[in-house]
């Protein structure tokens, strides 16, 4: 490993333009990833601050792994609800 490090340093000394370009490219790529994952964490991965979070539920069909309902179907479920308290409209 020490030999590889020496070889890398020699090659960087022999072509400094390439070395600077490679280092800047890596720095920009790392910075872009940090920014994207920071935004992703703040928007998606953090829990949503909603009142009565224990009452939030997801509607899904048993044959599907993801919830897909049209608005009329959601409205029918809301109107035919006998288990949960009535939904409050948000302003």
Protein backbone atom coordinates (compact mmCIF):
# COMPACT_ATOMS: atom_id res chain seq x y z
CA UNK A 1 0.00 0.00 0.00
CA UNK A 2 2.89 2.33 0.72
CA UNK A 3 4.25 1.72 -2.78
CA UNK A 4 0.88 2.59 -4.30
CA UNK A 5 0.78 5.81 -2.31
CA UNK A 6 4.29 6.76 -3.47
CA UNK A 7 3.37 6.01 -7.08
CA UNK A 8 0.22 8.13 -6.82
CA UNK A 9 2.15 11.06 -5.35
CA UNK A 10 4.82 10.82 -8.10
CA UNK A 11 2.19 10.81 -10.82
CA UNK A 12 0.42 13.78 -9.24
CA UNK A 13 3.74 15.67 -9.23
CA UNK A 14 4.38 14.81 -12.88
CA UNK A 15 0.97 16.08 -14.05
CA UNK A 16 -0.34 18.69 -11.59
CA UNK A 17 -3.10 19.91 -13.92
CA UNK A 18 -4.72 16.49 -14.01
CA UNK A 19 -4.32 16.12 -10.24
CA UNK A 20 -6.02 19.45 -9.55
CA UNK A 21 -8.81 18.64 -11.99
CA UNK A 22 -9.40 15.22 -10.42
CA UNK A 23 -9.38 16.63 -6.88
CA UNK A 24 -11.80 19.45 -7.79
CA UNK A 25 -14.11 17.01 -9.57
CA UNK A 26 -14.18 14.73 -6.54
CA UNK A 27 -14.78 17.70 -4.21
CA UNK A 28 -17.70 18.94 -6.33
CA UNK A 29 -19.21 15.45 -6.50
CA UNK A 30 -18.96 14.98 -2.74
CA UNK A 31 -20.41 18.44 -2.08
CA UNK A 32 -23.33 17.78 -4.44
CA UNK A 33 -24.10 14.49 -2.69
CA UNK A 34 -23.97 16.14 0.74
CA UNK A 35 -26.40 18.83 -0.41
CA UNK A 36 -28.82 16.39 -2.04
CA UNK A 37 -28.87 14.03 0.93
CA UNK A 38 -29.23 16.95 3.34
CA UNK A 39 -32.31 18.14 1.46
CA UNK A 40 -33.63 14.57 1.21
CA UNK A 41 -33.23 14.08 4.95
CA UNK A 42 -34.93 17.34 5.83
CA UNK A 43 -37.87 16.78 3.46
CA UNK A 44 -38.43 13.02 3.41
CA UNK A 45 -36.65 11.24 6.22
CA UNK A 46 -37.69 13.47 9.12
CA UNK A 47 -41.06 12.73 10.70
CA UNK A 48 -43.80 15.15 9.74
CA UNK A 49 -44.96 17.41 12.52
CA UNK A 50 -48.72 16.86 12.39
CA UNK A 51 -51.23 17.11 15.20
CA UNK A 52 -52.47 13.70 16.41
CA UNK A 53 -49.83 11.76 14.44
CA UNK A 54 -51.05 8.51 16.01
CA UNK A 55 -54.26 8.89 13.98
CA UNK A 56 -52.55 9.18 10.60
CA UNK A 57 -53.09 6.12 8.44
CA UNK A 58 -52.32 4.86 4.95
CA UNK A 59 -54.95 3.37 2.70
CA UNK A 60 -53.73 0.52 0.50
CA UNK A 61 -55.24 -2.42 -1.30
CA UNK A 62 -54.06 -5.87 -0.14
CA UNK A 63 -52.81 -6.81 -3.61
CA UNK A 64 -50.66 -3.67 -3.91
CA UNK A 65 -47.48 -2.71 -2.11
CA UNK A 66 -48.14 1.00 -2.51
CA UNK A 67 -51.16 3.17 -1.84
CA UNK A 68 -52.91 4.26 -5.01
CA UNK A 69 -56.42 5.58 -4.78
CA UNK A 70 -58.29 8.07 -6.86
CA UNK A 71 -59.77 11.09 -5.13
CA UNK A 72 -63.36 9.74 -5.41
CA UNK A 73 -62.25 6.52 -3.69
CA UNK A 74 -60.61 8.45 -0.86
CA UNK A 75 -63.73 10.58 -0.52
CA UNK A 76 -65.90 7.43 -0.34
CA UNK A 77 -63.70 5.98 2.41
CA UNK A 78 -63.82 9.29 4.29
CA UNK A 79 -67.60 9.56 4.00
CA UNK A 80 -68.23 5.92 4.92
CA UNK A 81 -65.92 6.04 7.93
CA UNK A 82 -67.43 4.56 11.10
CA UNK A 83 -64.23 3.74 13.00
CA UNK A 84 -62.24 6.94 13.15
CA UNK A 85 -63.36 10.38 14.34
CA UNK A 86 -64.49 12.75 11.57
CA UNK A 87 -61.71 14.45 9.66
CA UNK A 88 -61.11 18.08 10.41
CA UNK A 89 -60.53 20.32 7.44
CA UNK A 90 -57.18 22.09 7.44
CA UNK A 91 -57.23 25.82 6.69
